[in-house]
């Protein structure tokens, strides 16, 4: 349900920046990519060509490539269902499913029900926000920080609950390396570096545990 306030923030932001209500709602349903939707507003209104928008989308959402490595897509038997889940995969939908991979109750219908609910909450929030934003007498550009604020909160919670807090520090260092030296390729660089760190960490943990189960 956290998508509701986020959706409202995006809906109000997009409309006050110049998006018509119908396009705001349509982008929520079709783009459905959180941070990229906020970015898409400025790109589209700035007259950026479709190729550059597509390339930017690839960079911003490149993390989904890593999500796909452990997302339980195989549990869904329907081809259409699989295509929809791929389209509607978000950070939160991934976290909800991937955190219960060993739970036998995580069946195909359960996996398939998470994404539409998240999608519905987002589109519903954006719809409300679009109509509210149309009536607001002031600029809502500041609402563009709503999504980064969510990620910061999730990162802090993940750090507090982690059994390996040094991984959080490693993630921060990887992010700083990407931001300082890699410019527009920051996200891909940071995620790639952190993936290597996590793989090395998992190898180290498994070597320490004869059963290979420690820290799994």
N, C-alpha and C. Protein backbone atom coordinates (compact mmCIF):
# COMPACT_ATOMS: atom_id res chain seq x y z
N UNK A 1 0.82 -1.22 0.00
CA UNK A 1 0.00 0.00 0.00
C UNK A 1 0.85 1.27 0.00
N UNK A 2 2.16 1.09 0.20
CA UNK A 2 3.05 2.24 0.13
C UNK A 2 3.06 2.88 -1.25
N UNK A 3 2.58 2.13 -2.25
CA UNK A 3 2.50 2.69 -3.60
C UNK A 3 1.46 3.81 -3.69
N UNK A 4 0.47 3.79 -2.81
CA UNK A 4 -0.58 4.81 -2.89
C UNK A 4 -0.03 6.23 -2.70
N UNK A 5 0.67 6.53 -1.60
CA UNK A 5 1.21 7.89 -1.47
C UNK A 5 2.27 8.20 -2.53
N UNK A 6 3.06 7.20 -2.91
CA UNK A 6 4.04 7.44 -3.97
C UNK A 6 3.35 7.75 -5.29
N UNK A 7 2.30 6.99 -5.59
CA UNK A 7 1.55 7.23 -6.82
C UNK A 7 0.90 8.60 -6.83
N UNK A 8 0.35 8.99 -5.69
CA UNK A 8 -0.27 10.32 -5.59
C UNK A 8 0.77 11.41 -5.83
N UNK A 9 1.98 11.20 -5.26
CA UNK A 9 3.06 12.17 -5.45
C UNK A 9 3.44 12.27 -6.92
N UNK A 10 3.56 11.12 -7.60
CA UNK A 10 3.93 11.16 -9.01
C UNK A 10 2.82 11.79 -9.86
N UNK A 11 1.56 11.40 -9.58
CA UNK A 11 0.45 11.96 -10.35
C UNK A 11 0.39 13.47 -10.27
N UNK A 12 0.53 14.01 -9.06
CA UNK A 12 0.51 15.46 -8.88
C UNK A 12 1.72 16.10 -9.54
N UNK A 13 2.89 15.46 -9.39
CA UNK A 13 4.12 15.98 -10.00
C UNK A 13 4.01 16.06 -11.51
N UNK A 14 3.56 14.96 -12.14
CA UNK A 14 3.51 14.90 -13.61
C UNK A 14 2.54 15.92 -14.18
N UNK A 15 1.37 16.05 -13.57
CA UNK A 15 0.35 16.98 -14.08
C UNK A 15 0.81 18.42 -13.96
N UNK A 16 1.39 18.78 -12.84
CA UNK A 16 1.83 20.17 -12.66
C UNK A 16 3.05 20.52 -13.50
N UNK A 17 3.77 19.47 -13.98
CA UNK A 17 4.90 19.73 -14.88
C UNK A 17 4.48 19.86 -16.33
N UNK A 18 3.22 19.50 -16.63
CA UNK A 18 2.72 19.68 -17.99
C UNK A 18 2.12 18.45 -18.64
N UNK A 19 2.15 17.31 -17.97
CA UNK A 19 1.52 16.10 -18.50
C UNK A 19 0.00 16.23 -18.40
N UNK A 20 -0.74 15.85 -19.46
CA UNK A 20 -2.20 15.77 -19.31
C UNK A 20 -2.57 14.60 -18.40
N UNK A 21 -3.73 14.64 -17.82
CA UNK A 21 -4.14 13.60 -16.89
C UNK A 21 -4.13 12.22 -17.54
N UNK A 22 -4.65 12.13 -18.77
CA UNK A 22 -4.73 10.82 -19.42
C UNK A 22 -3.35 10.21 -19.65
N UNK A 23 -2.36 11.05 -20.02
CA UNK A 23 -1.02 10.54 -20.26
C UNK A 23 -0.34 10.14 -18.96
N UNK A 24 -0.65 10.86 -17.90
CA UNK A 24 -0.09 10.52 -16.58
C UNK A 24 -0.56 9.13 -16.15
N UNK A 25 -1.86 8.87 -16.29
CA UNK A 25 -2.41 7.57 -15.91
C UNK A 25 -1.90 6.46 -16.84
N UNK A 26 -1.80 6.76 -18.14
CA UNK A 26 -1.31 5.78 -19.11
C UNK A 26 0.14 5.41 -18.83
N UNK A 27 0.95 6.39 -18.49
CA UNK A 27 2.36 6.10 -18.19
C UNK A 27 2.49 5.26 -16.94
N UNK A 28 1.58 5.48 -15.97
CA UNK A 28 1.60 4.67 -14.75
C UNK A 28 1.34 3.20 -15.07
N UNK A 29 0.44 2.96 -16.03
CA UNK A 29 0.07 1.58 -16.37
C UNK A 29 1.10 0.92 -17.28
N UNK A 30 1.69 1.69 -18.21
CA UNK A 30 2.55 1.10 -19.23
C UNK A 30 4.03 1.17 -18.85
N UNK A 31 4.50 2.37 -18.46
CA UNK A 31 5.91 2.47 -18.07
C UNK A 31 6.12 1.75 -16.76
N UNK A 32 5.32 2.09 -15.77
CA UNK A 32 5.30 1.42 -14.46
C UNK A 32 6.71 1.07 -13.98
N UNK A 33 7.49 2.12 -13.77
CA UNK A 33 8.88 1.88 -13.38
C UNK A 33 9.36 2.87 -12.33
N UNK A 34 8.45 3.37 -11.52
CA UNK A 34 8.83 4.18 -10.38
C UNK A 34 9.74 5.34 -10.70
N UNK A 35 11.03 5.17 -10.39
CA UNK A 35 11.99 6.24 -10.59
C UNK A 35 12.07 6.67 -12.05
N UNK A 36 11.92 5.72 -12.98
CA UNK A 36 11.99 6.07 -14.40
C UNK A 36 10.79 6.91 -14.81
N UNK A 37 9.66 6.73 -14.17
CA UNK A 37 8.50 7.54 -14.52
C UNK A 37 8.74 9.01 -14.18
N UNK A 38 9.36 9.26 -13.03
CA UNK A 38 9.69 10.63 -12.67
C UNK A 38 10.68 11.21 -13.68
N UNK A 39 11.65 10.39 -14.09
CA UNK A 39 12.64 10.84 -15.07
C UNK A 39 12.01 11.05 -16.43
N UNK A 40 11.07 10.18 -16.81
CA UNK A 40 10.44 10.25 -18.12
C UNK A 40 9.68 11.55 -18.32
N UNK A 41 9.15 12.11 -17.26
CA UNK A 41 8.41 13.36 -17.38
C UNK A 41 9.29 14.45 -17.97
N UNK A 42 10.47 14.63 -17.40
CA UNK A 42 11.37 15.67 -17.90
C UNK A 42 11.90 15.33 -19.29
N UNK A 43 12.14 14.03 -19.56
CA UNK A 43 12.66 13.64 -20.87
C UNK A 43 11.63 13.89 -21.97
N UNK A 44 10.40 13.51 -21.71
CA UNK A 44 9.35 13.67 -22.72
C UNK A 44 9.03 15.14 -22.94
N UNK A 45 8.88 15.89 -21.85
CA UNK A 45 8.57 17.31 -21.97
C UNK A 45 9.74 18.09 -22.56
N UNK A 46 10.96 17.55 -22.41
CA UNK A 46 12.14 18.21 -22.98
C UNK A 46 12.36 17.89 -24.44
N UNK A 47 11.49 17.07 -25.03
CA UNK A 47 11.60 16.76 -26.44
C UNK A 47 12.70 15.79 -26.79
N UNK A 48 13.15 14.99 -25.82
CA UNK A 48 14.20 14.00 -26.07
C UNK A 48 13.66 12.90 -26.98
N UNK A 49 14.48 12.45 -27.95
CA UNK A 49 14.00 11.44 -28.88
C UNK A 49 13.83 10.09 -28.19
N UNK A 50 13.05 9.21 -28.85
CA UNK A 50 12.68 7.93 -28.25
C UNK A 50 13.88 7.04 -27.97
N UNK A 51 14.90 7.10 -28.84
CA UNK A 51 16.08 6.25 -28.64
C UNK A 51 16.78 6.62 -27.34
N UNK A 52 16.96 7.90 -27.08
CA UNK A 52 17.62 8.33 -25.85
C UNK A 52 16.78 7.99 -24.62
N UNK A 53 15.45 8.10 -24.77
CA UNK A 53 14.56 7.74 -23.65
C UNK A 53 14.68 6.24 -23.36
N UNK A 54 14.70 5.43 -24.44
CA UNK A 54 14.83 3.97 -24.27
C UNK A 54 16.17 3.62 -23.64
N UNK A 55 17.24 4.29 -24.06
CA UNK A 55 18.56 4.01 -23.51
C UNK A 55 18.63 4.40 -22.04
N UNK A 56 18.05 5.54 -21.71
CA UNK A 56 18.02 5.98 -20.32
C UNK A 56 17.24 4.99 -19.46
N UNK A 57 16.12 4.51 -19.99
CA UNK A 57 15.30 3.53 -19.28
C UNK A 57 16.09 2.26 -19.00
N UNK A 58 16.88 1.83 -20.00
CA UNK A 58 17.72 0.64 -19.83
C UNK A 58 18.71 0.83 -18.69
N UNK A 59 19.34 2.00 -18.64
CA UNK A 59 20.33 2.26 -17.60
C UNK A 59 19.68 2.32 -16.22
N UNK A 60 18.56 3.04 -16.15
CA UNK A 60 17.90 3.23 -14.85
C UNK A 60 17.37 1.91 -14.30
N UNK A 61 16.83 1.06 -15.18
CA UNK A 61 16.21 -0.18 -14.74
C UNK A 61 17.09 -1.41 -14.97
N UNK A 62 18.39 -1.20 -15.17
CA UNK A 62 19.29 -2.30 -15.43
C UNK A 62 19.35 -3.29 -14.27
N UNK A 63 19.00 -2.80 -13.08
CA UNK A 63 19.01 -3.67 -11.89
C UNK A 63 18.05 -4.84 -12.05
N UNK A 64 17.03 -4.71 -12.91
CA UNK A 64 16.06 -5.79 -13.10
C UNK A 64 16.72 -7.03 -13.71
N UNK A 65 17.84 -6.83 -14.41
CA UNK A 65 18.57 -7.98 -14.95
C UNK A 65 19.03 -8.87 -13.79
N UNK A 66 19.49 -8.23 -12.72
CA UNK A 66 19.95 -8.98 -11.55
C UNK A 66 18.76 -9.58 -10.80
N UNK A 67 17.64 -8.87 -10.77
CA UNK A 67 16.44 -9.41 -10.11
C UNK A 67 16.01 -10.71 -10.77
N UNK A 68 16.12 -10.75 -12.09
CA UNK A 68 15.67 -11.92 -12.83
C UNK A 68 16.42 -13.20 -12.49
N UNK A 69 17.61 -13.06 -11.92
CA UNK A 69 18.41 -14.23 -11.58
C UNK A 69 17.79 -15.06 -10.46
N UNK A 70 17.02 -14.41 -9.60
CA UNK A 70 16.45 -15.15 -8.46
C UNK A 70 14.94 -15.01 -8.34
N UNK A 71 14.29 -14.32 -9.27
CA UNK A 71 12.84 -14.18 -9.19
C UNK A 71 12.18 -15.52 -9.54
N UNK A 72 11.18 -15.96 -8.76
CA UNK A 72 10.58 -17.30 -8.97
C UNK A 72 9.61 -17.36 -10.15
N UNK A 73 10.08 -16.98 -11.32
CA UNK A 73 9.23 -16.96 -12.51
C UNK A 73 8.79 -18.36 -12.91
N UNK A 74 9.62 -19.36 -12.62
CA UNK A 74 9.32 -20.74 -13.02
C UNK A 74 8.06 -21.28 -12.36
N UNK A 75 7.64 -20.66 -11.26
CA UNK A 75 6.44 -21.13 -10.57
C UNK A 75 5.16 -20.79 -11.33
N UNK A 76 5.27 -19.85 -12.28
CA UNK A 76 4.10 -19.44 -13.07
C UNK A 76 4.06 -20.26 -14.35
N UNK A 77 2.98 -20.97 -14.57
CA UNK A 77 2.88 -21.87 -15.72
C UNK A 77 2.38 -21.16 -16.98
N UNK A 78 1.56 -20.14 -16.80
CA UNK A 78 0.97 -19.45 -17.94
C UNK A 78 1.98 -18.56 -18.64
N UNK A 79 2.04 -18.65 -19.98
CA UNK A 79 2.94 -17.79 -20.75
C UNK A 79 2.57 -16.32 -20.62
N UNK A 80 1.27 -16.03 -20.70
CA UNK A 80 0.81 -14.66 -20.55
C UNK A 80 1.12 -14.14 -19.15
N UNK A 81 0.91 -15.02 -18.17
CA UNK A 81 1.21 -14.64 -16.79
C UNK A 81 2.67 -14.29 -16.60
N UNK A 82 3.54 -15.06 -17.22
CA UNK A 82 4.98 -14.79 -17.13
C UNK A 82 5.33 -13.46 -17.77
N UNK A 83 4.75 -13.20 -18.94
CA UNK A 83 5.02 -11.93 -19.63
C UNK A 83 4.56 -10.75 -18.78
N UNK A 84 3.39 -10.90 -18.15
CA UNK A 84 2.89 -9.80 -17.32
C UNK A 84 3.79 -9.57 -16.10
N UNK A 85 4.22 -10.66 -15.48
CA UNK A 85 5.08 -10.53 -14.29
C UNK A 85 6.40 -9.87 -14.66
N UNK A 86 6.95 -10.19 -15.84
CA UNK A 86 8.17 -9.54 -16.29
C UNK A 86 7.93 -8.05 -16.47
N UNK A 87 6.80 -7.69 -17.07
CA UNK A 87 6.47 -6.28 -17.27
C UNK A 87 6.27 -5.54 -15.95
N UNK A 88 5.65 -6.20 -15.01
CA UNK A 88 5.26 -5.53 -13.76
C UNK A 88 6.24 -5.78 -12.61
N UNK A 89 7.43 -6.26 -12.93
CA UNK A 89 8.42 -6.49 -11.88
C UNK A 89 8.96 -5.16 -11.36
N UNK A 90 8.84 -4.94 -10.08
CA UNK A 90 9.37 -3.73 -9.44
C UNK A 90 10.22 -4.14 -8.25
N UNK A 91 10.89 -3.17 -7.66
CA UNK A 91 11.75 -3.46 -6.50
C UNK A 91 10.95 -4.12 -5.38
N UNK A 92 9.77 -3.57 -5.11
CA UNK A 92 8.97 -4.07 -4.00
C UNK A 92 8.37 -5.44 -4.30
N UNK A 93 7.89 -5.63 -5.55
CA UNK A 93 7.34 -6.94 -5.93
C UNK A 93 8.43 -8.00 -5.87
N UNK A 94 9.62 -7.64 -6.30
CA UNK A 94 10.74 -8.59 -6.22
C UNK A 94 11.05 -8.93 -4.77
N UNK A 95 11.11 -7.90 -3.91
CA UNK A 95 11.45 -8.13 -2.50
C UNK A 95 10.43 -9.03 -1.82
N UNK A 96 9.15 -8.81 -2.11
CA UNK A 96 8.10 -9.61 -1.49
C UNK A 96 8.20 -11.08 -1.89
N UNK A 97 8.52 -11.33 -3.15
CA UNK A 97 8.59 -12.71 -3.62
C UNK A 97 9.92 -13.37 -3.29
N UNK A 98 11.01 -12.65 -3.53
CA UNK A 98 12.34 -13.25 -3.34
C UNK A 98 12.66 -13.53 -1.88
N UNK A 99 12.00 -12.82 -0.98
CA UNK A 99 12.27 -13.04 0.45
C UNK A 99 11.57 -14.29 0.98
N UNK A 100 10.75 -14.95 0.15
CA UNK A 100 10.05 -16.15 0.59
C UNK A 100 10.29 -17.32 -0.37
N UNK A 101 11.46 -17.36 -0.98
CA UNK A 101 11.74 -18.39 -1.99
C UNK A 101 11.64 -19.80 -1.44
N UNK A 102 11.99 -19.99 -0.17
CA UNK A 102 11.97 -21.34 0.41
C UNK A 102 10.63 -21.71 1.02
N UNK A 103 9.68 -20.80 0.98
CA UNK A 103 8.36 -21.05 1.55
C UNK A 103 7.52 -21.85 0.55
N UNK A 104 7.03 -23.00 0.96
CA UNK A 104 6.25 -23.84 0.06
C UNK A 104 4.92 -23.20 -0.33
N UNK A 105 4.48 -22.20 0.45
CA UNK A 105 3.23 -21.52 0.12
C UNK A 105 3.40 -20.53 -1.03
N UNK A 106 4.65 -20.31 -1.46
CA UNK A 106 4.91 -19.39 -2.56
C UNK A 106 4.65 -20.12 -3.88
N UNK A 107 3.39 -20.27 -4.22
CA UNK A 107 2.99 -20.95 -5.44
C UNK A 107 2.86 -19.96 -6.59
N UNK A 108 2.62 -20.49 -7.78
CA UNK A 108 2.46 -19.63 -8.95
C UNK A 108 1.37 -18.58 -8.79
N UNK A 109 0.15 -18.99 -8.34
CA UNK A 109 -0.91 -17.99 -8.15
C UNK A 109 -0.54 -16.91 -7.13
N UNK A 110 0.21 -17.29 -6.09
CA UNK A 110 0.63 -16.30 -5.09
C UNK A 110 1.59 -15.30 -5.71
N UNK A 111 2.58 -15.81 -6.45
CA UNK A 111 3.54 -14.93 -7.13
C UNK A 111 2.81 -14.00 -8.08
N UNK A 112 1.86 -14.58 -8.81
CA UNK A 112 1.14 -13.81 -9.82
C UNK A 112 0.20 -12.78 -9.21
N UNK A 113 -0.23 -12.99 -7.97
CA UNK A 113 -1.16 -12.05 -7.33
C UNK A 113 -0.44 -10.82 -6.77
N UNK A 114 0.85 -10.96 -6.43
CA UNK A 114 1.58 -9.85 -5.83
C UNK A 114 1.72 -8.69 -6.82
N UNK A 115 2.14 -9.01 -8.04
CA UNK A 115 2.40 -7.95 -9.02
C UNK A 115 1.16 -7.16 -9.42
N UNK A 116 0.02 -7.81 -9.72
CA UNK A 116 -1.17 -7.01 -10.05
C UNK A 116 -1.63 -6.11 -8.90
N UNK A 117 -1.49 -6.59 -7.65
CA UNK A 117 -1.88 -5.75 -6.52
C UNK A 117 -1.00 -4.51 -6.44
N UNK A 118 0.31 -4.70 -6.57
CA UNK A 118 1.22 -3.55 -6.58
C UNK A 118 0.89 -2.60 -7.73
N UNK A 119 0.65 -3.17 -8.90
CA UNK A 119 0.32 -2.39 -10.10
C UNK A 119 -0.96 -1.58 -9.88
N UNK A 120 -1.95 -2.22 -9.29
CA UNK A 120 -3.23 -1.57 -9.04
C UNK A 120 -3.08 -0.42 -8.05
N UNK A 121 -2.32 -0.65 -6.98
CA UNK A 121 -2.08 0.41 -6.00
C UNK A 121 -1.39 1.61 -6.65
N UNK A 122 -0.41 1.33 -7.51
CA UNK A 122 0.34 2.41 -8.16
C UNK A 122 -0.56 3.22 -9.10
N UNK A 123 -1.27 2.54 -10.00
CA UNK A 123 -2.13 3.23 -10.95
C UNK A 123 -3.24 3.98 -10.22
N UNK A 124 -3.79 3.37 -9.17
CA UNK A 124 -4.83 4.05 -8.40
C UNK A 124 -4.30 5.31 -7.73
N UNK A 125 -3.11 5.23 -7.13
CA UNK A 125 -2.52 6.39 -6.50
C UNK A 125 -2.21 7.49 -7.50
N UNK A 126 -1.67 7.11 -8.66
CA UNK A 126 -1.35 8.09 -9.70
C UNK A 126 -2.61 8.78 -10.20
N UNK A 127 -3.69 8.02 -10.37
CA UNK A 127 -4.95 8.60 -10.83
C UNK A 127 -5.46 9.66 -9.86
N UNK A 128 -5.45 9.32 -8.58
CA UNK A 128 -5.87 10.30 -7.56
C UNK A 128 -4.95 11.51 -7.59
N UNK A 129 -3.64 11.27 -7.64
CA UNK A 129 -2.69 12.36 -7.64
C UNK A 129 -2.82 13.27 -8.84
N UNK A 130 -3.13 12.69 -10.00
CA UNK A 130 -3.28 13.49 -11.22
C UNK A 130 -4.42 14.48 -11.10
N UNK A 131 -5.54 14.02 -10.58
CA UNK A 131 -6.70 14.92 -10.42
C UNK A 131 -6.46 15.95 -9.31
N UNK A 132 -5.79 15.51 -8.25
CA UNK A 132 -5.46 16.45 -7.17
C UNK A 132 -4.47 17.50 -7.68
N UNK A 133 -3.45 17.05 -8.42
CA UNK A 133 -2.44 17.96 -8.94
C UNK A 133 -3.02 19.00 -9.88
N UNK A 134 -4.05 18.60 -10.62
CA UNK A 134 -4.69 19.54 -11.55
C UNK A 134 -5.33 20.70 -10.81
N UNK A 135 -5.73 20.44 -9.57
CA UNK A 135 -6.41 21.48 -8.79
C UNK A 135 -5.46 22.28 -7.91
N UNK A 136 -4.19 21.85 -7.80
CA UNK A 136 -3.26 22.56 -6.94
C UNK A 136 -2.78 23.86 -7.58
N UNK A 137 -2.68 24.93 -6.80
CA UNK A 137 -2.27 26.23 -7.36
C UNK A 137 -0.76 26.45 -7.37
N UNK A 138 0.04 25.44 -6.98
CA UNK A 138 1.48 25.63 -6.90
C UNK A 138 2.23 24.47 -7.56
N UNK A 139 3.51 24.70 -7.87
CA UNK A 139 4.35 23.70 -8.52
C UNK A 139 4.69 22.58 -7.53
N UNK A 140 4.66 21.34 -8.01
CA UNK A 140 4.95 20.20 -7.13
C UNK A 140 6.24 19.48 -7.53
N UNK A 141 7.17 20.20 -8.10
CA UNK A 141 8.42 19.58 -8.53
C UNK A 141 9.15 18.90 -7.36
N UNK A 142 8.97 19.46 -6.16
CA UNK A 142 9.64 18.89 -4.98
C UNK A 142 9.20 17.46 -4.70
N UNK A 143 8.05 17.05 -5.22
CA UNK A 143 7.57 15.69 -4.98
C UNK A 143 8.41 14.65 -5.71
N UNK A 144 9.27 15.09 -6.63
CA UNK A 144 10.14 14.16 -7.33
C UNK A 144 11.10 13.43 -6.41
N UNK A 145 11.25 13.93 -5.17
CA UNK A 145 12.14 13.29 -4.22
C UNK A 145 11.44 12.19 -3.43
N UNK A 146 10.16 11.98 -3.66
CA UNK A 146 9.41 10.98 -2.89
C UNK A 146 9.99 9.58 -3.07
N UNK A 147 10.33 9.21 -4.31
CA UNK A 147 10.85 7.86 -4.56
C UNK A 147 12.25 7.66 -4.00
N UNK A 148 13.20 8.60 -4.23
CA UNK A 148 14.50 8.43 -3.57
C UNK A 148 14.38 8.32 -2.05
N UNK A 149 13.43 9.05 -1.46
CA UNK A 149 13.24 8.97 -0.01
C UNK A 149 12.82 7.57 0.40
N UNK A 150 11.97 6.93 -0.42
CA UNK A 150 11.56 5.56 -0.13
C UNK A 150 12.75 4.61 -0.18
N UNK A 151 13.60 4.76 -1.20
CA UNK A 151 14.76 3.89 -1.33
C UNK A 151 15.71 4.06 -0.16
N UNK A 152 15.87 5.29 0.30
CA UNK A 152 16.73 5.54 1.46
C UNK A 152 16.18 4.81 2.69
N UNK A 153 14.87 4.90 2.88
CA UNK A 153 14.23 4.24 4.02
C UNK A 153 14.39 2.73 3.94
N UNK A 154 14.17 2.16 2.74
CA UNK A 154 14.32 0.71 2.56
C UNK A 154 15.76 0.27 2.80
N UNK A 155 16.71 1.09 2.36
CA UNK A 155 18.12 0.76 2.54
C UNK A 155 18.49 0.73 4.03
N UNK A 156 17.98 1.72 4.78
CA UNK A 156 18.26 1.78 6.21
C UNK A 156 17.67 0.57 6.92
N UNK A 157 16.43 0.20 6.57
CA UNK A 157 15.79 -0.97 7.19
C UNK A 157 16.54 -2.26 6.86
N UNK A 158 16.96 -2.38 5.59
CA UNK A 158 17.70 -3.58 5.17
C UNK A 158 19.02 -3.68 5.92
N UNK A 159 19.66 -2.53 6.12
CA UNK A 159 20.95 -2.51 6.83
C UNK A 159 20.76 -2.95 8.28
N UNK A 160 19.70 -2.48 8.92
CA UNK A 160 19.45 -2.82 10.32
C UNK A 160 19.14 -4.30 10.50
N UNK A 161 18.49 -4.91 9.51
CA UNK A 161 18.08 -6.31 9.65
C UNK A 161 19.11 -7.30 9.12
N UNK A 162 20.13 -6.78 8.45
CA UNK A 162 21.11 -7.67 7.82
C UNK A 162 22.02 -8.33 8.85
N UNK A 163 22.35 -9.59 8.58
CA UNK A 163 23.32 -10.31 9.42
C UNK A 163 24.75 -9.93 9.06
N UNK A 164 24.91 -9.25 7.92
CA UNK A 164 26.23 -8.86 7.45
C UNK A 164 26.24 -7.36 7.14
N UNK A 165 26.32 -6.53 8.18
CA UNK A 165 26.24 -5.08 7.98
C UNK A 165 27.35 -4.51 7.09
N UNK A 166 28.48 -5.22 6.99
CA UNK A 166 29.56 -4.73 6.13
C UNK A 166 29.15 -4.72 4.65
N UNK A 167 28.16 -5.55 4.30
CA UNK A 167 27.66 -5.53 2.93
C UNK A 167 26.99 -4.19 2.62
N UNK A 168 26.36 -3.60 3.64
CA UNK A 168 25.76 -2.28 3.45
C UNK A 168 26.82 -1.23 3.17
N UNK A 169 27.93 -1.32 3.89
CA UNK A 169 29.05 -0.40 3.66
C UNK A 169 29.64 -0.63 2.27
N UNK A 170 29.72 -1.90 1.86
CA UNK A 170 30.24 -2.21 0.53
C UNK A 170 29.33 -1.64 -0.56
N UNK A 171 28.01 -1.72 -0.33
CA UNK A 171 27.06 -1.16 -1.29
C UNK A 171 27.26 0.35 -1.42
N UNK A 172 27.46 1.02 -0.29
CA UNK A 172 27.69 2.46 -0.30
C UNK A 172 28.96 2.81 -1.08
N UNK A 173 30.03 2.04 -0.84
CA UNK A 173 31.30 2.29 -1.54
C UNK A 173 31.14 2.07 -3.05
N UNK A 174 30.42 1.01 -3.42
CA UNK A 174 30.18 0.74 -4.85
C UNK A 174 29.39 1.88 -5.48
N UNK A 175 28.40 2.38 -4.76
CA UNK A 175 27.62 3.51 -5.26
C UNK A 175 28.47 4.76 -5.44
N UNK A 176 29.34 5.04 -4.49
CA UNK A 176 30.22 6.21 -4.57
C UNK A 176 31.20 6.08 -5.74
N UNK A 177 31.74 4.88 -5.94
CA UNK A 177 32.65 4.66 -7.07
C UNK A 177 31.94 4.95 -8.39
N UNK A 178 30.71 4.43 -8.52
CA UNK A 178 29.95 4.66 -9.74
C UNK A 178 29.62 6.12 -9.94
N UNK A 179 29.23 6.81 -8.86
CA UNK A 179 28.84 8.21 -8.96
C UNK A 179 30.02 9.12 -9.28
N UNK A 180 31.18 8.83 -8.70
CA UNK A 180 32.34 9.71 -8.86
C UNK A 180 33.04 9.50 -10.20
N UNK A 181 33.18 8.25 -10.64
CA UNK A 181 34.00 7.98 -11.81
C UNK A 181 33.23 7.53 -13.06
N UNK A 182 31.95 7.22 -12.94
CA UNK A 182 31.28 6.60 -14.08
C UNK A 182 30.12 7.41 -14.66
N UNK A 183 29.80 8.55 -14.08
CA UNK A 183 28.79 9.44 -14.66
C UNK A 183 27.46 8.77 -14.90
N UNK A 184 27.00 8.80 -16.17
CA UNK A 184 25.68 8.27 -16.50
C UNK A 184 25.61 6.75 -16.39
N UNK A 185 26.79 6.09 -16.29
CA UNK A 185 26.81 4.64 -16.13
C UNK A 185 26.91 4.24 -14.66
N UNK A 186 26.59 5.18 -13.79
CA UNK A 186 26.74 4.97 -12.35
C UNK A 186 26.01 3.72 -11.87
N UNK A 187 24.72 3.60 -12.24
CA UNK A 187 23.90 2.51 -11.70
C UNK A 187 24.42 1.15 -12.14
N UNK A 188 24.74 1.01 -13.44
CA UNK A 188 25.23 -0.26 -13.95
C UNK A 188 26.55 -0.63 -13.28
N UNK A 189 27.44 0.36 -13.15
CA UNK A 189 28.74 0.12 -12.54
C UNK A 189 28.58 -0.30 -11.08
N UNK A 190 27.77 0.46 -10.34
CA UNK A 190 27.59 0.18 -8.91
C UNK A 190 26.99 -1.20 -8.69
N UNK A 191 25.96 -1.55 -9.46
CA UNK A 191 25.32 -2.85 -9.31
C UNK A 191 26.26 -3.99 -9.69
N UNK A 192 27.05 -3.77 -10.76
CA UNK A 192 27.98 -4.81 -11.20
C UNK A 192 29.04 -5.05 -10.13
N UNK A 193 29.59 -3.97 -9.59
CA UNK A 193 30.60 -4.10 -8.55
C UNK A 193 30.03 -4.80 -7.31
N UNK A 194 28.81 -4.38 -6.93
CA UNK A 194 28.22 -4.97 -5.74
C UNK A 194 27.87 -6.43 -5.95
N UNK A 195 27.49 -6.80 -7.17
CA UNK A 195 27.22 -8.21 -7.47
C UNK A 195 28.48 -9.05 -7.26
N UNK A 196 29.61 -8.53 -7.72
CA UNK A 196 30.88 -9.22 -7.53
C UNK A 196 31.18 -9.37 -6.04
N UNK A 197 30.94 -8.29 -5.28
CA UNK A 197 31.18 -8.33 -3.83
C UNK A 197 30.30 -9.39 -3.17
N UNK A 198 29.03 -9.43 -3.53
CA UNK A 198 28.10 -10.39 -2.93
C UNK A 198 28.50 -11.82 -3.29
N UNK A 199 28.90 -12.05 -4.54
CA UNK A 199 29.32 -13.39 -4.95
C UNK A 199 30.56 -13.83 -4.18
N UNK A 200 31.51 -12.91 -4.01
CA UNK A 200 32.71 -13.24 -3.23
C UNK A 200 32.35 -13.52 -1.77
N UNK A 201 31.40 -12.71 -1.25
CA UNK A 201 30.96 -12.91 0.14
C UNK A 201 30.29 -14.28 0.30
N UNK A 202 29.42 -14.64 -0.65
CA UNK A 202 28.73 -15.94 -0.57
C UNK A 202 29.73 -17.09 -0.65
N UNK A 203 30.74 -16.94 -1.52
CA UNK A 203 31.77 -17.98 -1.63
C UNK A 203 32.51 -18.14 -0.31
N UNK A 204 32.82 -17.02 0.32
CA UNK A 204 33.53 -17.04 1.61
C UNK A 204 32.68 -17.70 2.69
N UNK A 205 31.38 -17.36 2.73
CA UNK A 205 30.48 -17.93 3.74
C UNK A 205 30.33 -19.43 3.54
N UNK A 206 30.19 -19.86 2.28
CA UNK A 206 30.00 -21.28 2.01
C UNK A 206 31.26 -22.09 2.32
N UNK A 207 32.43 -21.49 2.15
CA UNK A 207 33.66 -22.19 2.48
C UNK A 207 33.84 -22.33 3.98
N UNK A 208 33.31 -21.36 4.73
CA UNK A 208 33.39 -21.44 6.19
C UNK A 208 32.45 -22.49 6.74
N UNK A 209 31.35 -22.74 6.03
CA UNK A 209 30.33 -23.69 6.51
C UNK A 209 30.41 -24.98 5.68
N UNK A 210 30.75 -26.09 6.30
CA UNK A 210 30.83 -27.36 5.55
C UNK A 210 29.53 -27.72 4.85
N UNK A 211 28.41 -27.38 5.45
CA UNK A 211 27.12 -27.73 4.86
C UNK A 211 26.73 -26.78 3.76
N UNK A 212 27.41 -25.60 3.71
CA UNK A 212 27.06 -24.62 2.68
C UNK A 212 25.77 -23.90 2.94
N UNK A 213 25.23 -24.06 4.17
CA UNK A 213 23.92 -23.48 4.45
C UNK A 213 24.01 -22.24 5.30
N UNK A 214 25.14 -21.99 5.90
CA UNK A 214 25.26 -20.85 6.79
C UNK A 214 25.11 -19.55 6.00
N UNK A 215 24.27 -18.68 6.49
CA UNK A 215 24.08 -17.38 5.85
C UNK A 215 23.25 -17.44 4.59
N UNK A 216 22.65 -18.60 4.27
CA UNK A 216 21.87 -18.73 3.05
C UNK A 216 20.62 -17.87 3.15
